[in-house]
């Protein structure tokens, strides 16, 4: 039958989707870990990156510190947190490890987006008397939004994939399907679990692409922009001027 056929049989078996160890329950655990971790990381990284990007100071140091965390394997951080006193608090060590993993792309992209905002537009807005808060909210942040959302999307996909490691020390999520398959020497179950994680990562990225498109201020502004004058109108006005 082959691995592909056996994997499809595993996925199409209703009993594998229900119950505490079923796909739906594991999917809920995985999404909870993902969005709780991503929400905390965004709350920590984005305000700091936007503020430092507005000031143009301290951003390089903050980015280098956050990127240093990438040199440490996420699984190693997770194991260390589990062995610490925090290990007695359920999913808290997993959430902290995922937050640390999500910080670098969020901080880097938001800071770079703020610094790459058109300086002429920013200076013009400042010359009109806008305060620092108004500059951030009305000028810099809208211009930085595409880069900022790219960081959020990247972090979300990375967290979805990395949350699979939570199953290795006994946590929840779709990774439990993979680890159970290894324990049972059930290759179709292992492949099915990996397939579910990959599909979830693609769906999460698609959701954030749509959110970015909906939030894009340039798209909304373009939609309200008046239509340019027609060539016949210009020709008529030129004749009247002559």
Protein backbone atom coordinates (compact mmCIF):
# COMPACT_ATOMS: atom_id res chain seq x y z
CA UNK A 1 0.00 0.00 0.00
CA UNK A 2 2.93 2.33 0.65
CA UNK A 3 3.55 5.01 3.26
CA UNK A 4 1.40 7.59 1.44
CA UNK A 5 -1.60 5.30 1.32
CA UNK A 6 -1.17 4.22 4.92
CA UNK A 7 -0.81 7.85 6.02
CA UNK A 8 -4.04 8.73 4.22
CA UNK A 9 -5.75 5.79 5.92
CA UNK A 10 -4.54 7.03 9.30
CA UNK A 11 -5.78 10.58 8.60
CA UNK A 12 -9.15 9.37 7.33
CA UNK A 13 -9.83 7.18 10.37
CA UNK A 14 -12.36 8.98 12.58
CA UNK A 15 -11.08 7.50 15.84
CA UNK A 16 -7.75 9.28 15.34
CA UNK A 17 -9.47 12.66 15.43
CA UNK A 18 -11.52 12.30 18.60
CA UNK A 19 -10.66 11.86 22.26
CA UNK A 20 -7.96 13.34 24.43
CA UNK A 21 -5.18 12.03 22.18
CA UNK A 22 -7.08 12.85 18.98
CA UNK A 23 -6.07 15.34 16.31
CA UNK A 24 -8.66 17.97 17.24
CA UNK A 25 -7.58 18.09 20.87
CA UNK A 26 -3.89 18.17 19.93
CA UNK A 27 -4.60 20.89 17.36
CA UNK A 28 -6.29 22.99 20.04
CA UNK A 29 -3.29 22.57 22.33
CA UNK A 30 -0.93 23.49 19.50
CA UNK A 31 -2.87 26.63 18.58
CA UNK A 32 -3.09 27.68 22.22
CA UNK A 33 0.66 27.36 22.68
CA UNK A 34 1.26 29.21 19.41
CA UNK A 35 -0.97 32.21 19.92
CA UNK A 36 -0.29 32.65 23.63
CA UNK A 37 3.45 32.63 22.94
CA UNK A 38 3.12 34.89 19.90
CA UNK A 39 0.88 37.32 21.77
CA UNK A 40 3.35 37.65 24.65
CA UNK A 41 6.27 38.05 22.24
CA UNK A 42 4.43 40.77 20.27
CA UNK A 43 3.54 42.61 23.49
CA UNK A 44 7.21 42.59 24.51
CA UNK A 45 8.96 43.19 21.19
CA UNK A 46 6.76 45.47 19.09
CA UNK A 47 6.36 48.46 21.47
CA UNK A 48 10.10 48.40 22.19
CA UNK A 49 11.04 48.12 18.51
CA UNK A 50 8.64 50.89 17.47
CA UNK A 51 9.92 53.20 20.21
CA UNK A 52 13.59 52.54 19.45
CA UNK A 53 12.93 52.85 15.72
CA UNK A 54 11.31 56.22 16.29
CA UNK A 55 14.26 57.42 18.36
CA UNK A 56 16.85 55.80 16.11
CA UNK A 57 18.86 54.80 19.17
CA UNK A 58 19.59 51.51 20.89
CA UNK A 59 18.00 49.40 18.18
CA UNK A 60 21.20 47.72 17.05
CA UNK A 61 22.03 46.61 20.59
CA UNK A 62 18.52 45.27 21.18
CA UNK A 63 18.51 43.38 17.88
CA UNK A 64 21.94 41.85 18.53
CA UNK A 65 20.88 40.71 22.00
CA UNK A 66 17.68 39.14 20.68
CA UNK A 67 19.51 37.49 17.78
CA UNK A 68 22.02 35.98 20.19
CA UNK A 69 19.18 33.79 21.41
CA UNK A 70 19.11 32.09 18.01
CA UNK A 71 22.49 30.55 18.71
CA UNK A 72 20.98 28.52 21.55
CA UNK A 73 18.86 25.55 20.40
CA UNK A 74 15.22 25.98 21.36
CA UNK A 75 15.06 22.42 22.68
CA UNK A 76 18.00 23.13 24.98
CA UNK A 77 16.23 26.21 26.36
CA UNK A 78 13.07 24.17 26.83
CA UNK A 79 14.87 21.41 28.73
CA UNK A 80 16.66 23.93 30.97
CA UNK A 81 13.36 25.66 31.78
CA UNK A 82 11.71 22.33 32.53
CA UNK A 83 14.53 21.42 34.93
CA UNK A 84 14.18 24.77 36.69
CA UNK A 85 11.50 25.54 39.31
CA UNK A 86 9.32 26.76 36.41
CA UNK A 87 9.00 23.16 35.27
CA UNK A 88 6.29 22.62 37.89
CA UNK A 89 3.97 25.12 36.18
CA UNK A 90 2.53 23.13 33.27
CA UNK A 91 3.08 24.69 29.85
CA UNK A 92 4.85 27.80 31.21
CA UNK A 93 8.38 26.59 30.28
CA UNK A 94 7.22 25.79 26.75
CA UNK A 95 5.58 29.20 26.38
CA UNK A 96 8.71 30.99 27.62
CA UNK A 97 10.93 29.05 25.22
CA UNK A 98 8.64 29.88 22.29
CA UNK A 99 8.50 33.56 23.31
CA UNK A 100 12.30 33.74 23.31
CA UNK A 101 12.34 32.11 19.88
CA UNK A 102 9.76 34.56 18.47
CA UNK A 103 11.42 37.76 19.71
CA UNK A 104 14.24 38.16 17.12
CA UNK A 105 12.12 38.38 13.92
CA UNK A 106 9.55 40.60 15.64
CA UNK A 107 12.10 43.03 17.03
CA UNK A 108 14.30 43.13 13.94
CA UNK A 109 11.57 43.64 11.36
CA UNK A 110 9.67 46.23 13.36
CA UNK A 111 12.81 48.27 14.07
CA UNK A 112 14.03 48.13 10.47
CA UNK A 113 10.56 49.06 9.21
CA UNK A 114 10.47 52.14 11.44
CA UNK A 115 13.95 53.24 10.40
CA UNK A 116 13.20 52.74 6.70
CA UNK A 117 10.12 54.96 6.79
CA UNK A 118 10.55 57.78 4.25
CA UNK A 119 12.54 60.43 6.14
CA UNK A 120 11.21 63.24 3.95
CA UNK A 121 7.64 62.33 4.84
CA UNK A 122 8.54 62.08 8.53
CA UNK A 123 10.32 65.45 8.53
CA UNK A 124 7.41 67.06 6.68
CA UNK A 125 5.00 65.73 9.30
CA UNK A 126 7.27 66.98 12.08
CA UNK A 127 7.41 70.38 10.39
CA UNK A 128 3.61 70.49 10.46
CA UNK A 129 3.79 70.35 14.26
CA UNK A 130 3.05 66.68 14.91
CA UNK A 131 4.13 65.36 18.28
CA UNK A 132 6.22 62.21 18.70
CA UNK A 133 3.15 60.10 19.40
CA UNK A 134 1.34 61.49 16.37
CA UNK A 135 4.37 60.82 14.18
CA UNK A 136 4.46 57.21 15.28
CA UNK A 137 0.72 56.56 14.97
CA UNK A 138 -0.01 58.51 11.77
CA UNK A 139 3.21 58.41 9.75
CA UNK A 140 5.95 56.02 10.81
CA UNK A 141 3.86 53.04 11.91
CA UNK A 142 1.70 52.95 8.74
CA UNK A 143 4.83 53.12 6.61
CA UNK A 144 6.51 50.40 8.68
CA UNK A 145 3.45 48.12 8.73
CA UNK A 146 4.46 45.84 5.81
CA UNK A 147 7.86 45.08 7.38
CA UNK A 148 6.34 44.77 10.84
CA UNK A 149 3.71 42.29 9.63
CA UNK A 150 6.39 40.31 7.83
CA UNK A 151 8.11 39.86 11.18
CA UNK A 152 4.87 38.78 12.84
CA UNK A 153 4.17 36.30 10.04
CA UNK A 154 7.69 34.88 10.22
CA UNK A 155 7.51 34.53 13.99
CA UNK A 156 4.08 32.86 13.81
CA UNK A 157 5.25 30.22 11.33
CA UNK A 158 8.42 29.56 13.32
CA UNK A 159 6.45 29.18 16.55
CA UNK A 160 3.98 26.78 14.91
CA UNK A 161 6.85 24.59 13.75
CA UNK A 162 8.86 24.85 16.97
CA UNK A 163 5.86 24.16 19.23
CA UNK A 164 6.12 20.57 17.98
CA UNK A 165 9.16 20.21 20.29
CA UNK A 166 6.88 20.69 23.29
CA UNK A 167 5.89 17.04 22.95
CA UNK A 168 9.42 15.74 23.56
CA UNK A 169 9.46 16.61 27.29
CA UNK A 170 5.79 15.62 27.60
CA UNK A 171 3.96 18.80 26.56
CA UNK A 172 0.90 19.05 24.36
CA UNK A 173 0.32 19.87 20.70
CA UNK A 174 0.53 18.05 17.41
CA UNK A 175 4.03 16.88 18.29
CA UNK A 176 2.43 14.32 20.59
CA UNK A 177 1.10 12.52 17.51
CA UNK A 178 4.64 12.29 16.12
CA UNK A 179 6.23 11.14 19.38
CA UNK A 180 3.47 8.55 19.89
CA UNK A 181 4.14 7.27 16.39
CA UNK A 182 7.85 6.90 17.16
CA UNK A 183 7.06 5.07 20.37
CA UNK A 184 4.72 2.67 18.56
CA UNK A 185 7.01 2.37 15.52
CA UNK A 186 4.06 3.58 13.48
CA UNK A 187 5.54 5.34 10.44
CA UNK A 188 2.18 6.44 8.95
CA UNK A 189 1.30 8.18 12.23
CA UNK A 190 4.67 9.96 12.29
CA UNK A 191 4.20 11.15 8.69
CA UNK A 192 0.59 12.16 9.42
CA UNK A 193 1.70 14.26 12.40
CA UNK A 194 4.41 15.98 10.37
CA UNK A 195 1.92 16.60 7.57
CA UNK A 196 -0.56 18.20 9.98
CA UNK A 197 2.12 20.52 11.39
CA UNK A 198 3.17 21.57 7.86
CA UNK A 199 -0.42 22.26 6.81
CA UNK A 200 -1.05 24.26 9.98
CA UNK A 201 2.07 26.37 9.37
CA UNK A 202 0.93 27.13 5.81
CA UNK A 203 -2.58 28.05 6.98
CA UNK A 204 -1.23 30.34 9.70
CA UNK A 205 0.99 32.12 7.18
CA UNK A 206 -1.95 32.51 4.80
CA UNK A 207 -4.06 34.02 7.58
CA UNK A 208 -1.39 36.60 8.36
CA UNK A 209 -0.94 37.43 4.67
CA UNK A 210 -4.67 38.21 4.48
CA UNK A 211 -4.51 40.23 7.73
CA UNK A 212 -1.58 42.24 6.37
CA UNK A 213 -3.49 42.95 3.17
CA UNK A 214 -6.57 44.06 5.10
CA UNK A 215 -4.56 46.33 7.43
CA UNK A 216 -2.42 47.89 4.70
CA UNK A 217 -3.16 51.64 4.90
CA UNK A 218 -1.90 52.18 1.35
CA UNK A 219 -4.53 49.75 0.02
CA UNK A 220 -7.31 51.59 1.83
CA UNK A 221 -5.98 54.95 0.70
CA UNK A 222 -5.76 53.76 -2.90
CA UNK A 223 -9.34 52.56 -2.70
CA UNK A 224 -10.55 56.04 -1.71
CA UNK A 225 -8.34 58.01 -4.07
CA UNK A 226 -10.22 60.11 -6.65
CA UNK A 227 -10.01 59.00 -10.25
CA UNK A 228 -7.51 60.94 -12.40
CA UNK A 229 -8.97 63.37 -14.94
CA UNK A 230 -9.73 61.89 -18.33
CA UNK A 231 -7.68 62.81 -21.37
CA UNK A 232 -10.69 64.48 -23.02
CA UNK A 233 -11.17 66.71 -19.96
CA UNK A 234 -7.53 67.78 -20.02
CA UNK A 235 -7.75 68.50 -23.72
CA UNK A 236 -10.86 70.63 -23.21
CA UNK A 237 -9.25 72.63 -20.41
CA UNK A 238 -6.11 73.19 -22.48
CA UNK A 239 -8.21 74.54 -25.35
CA UNK A 240 -10.11 76.83 -22.96
CA UNK A 241 -6.82 78.11 -21.55
CA UNK A 242 -5.49 78.89 -25.01
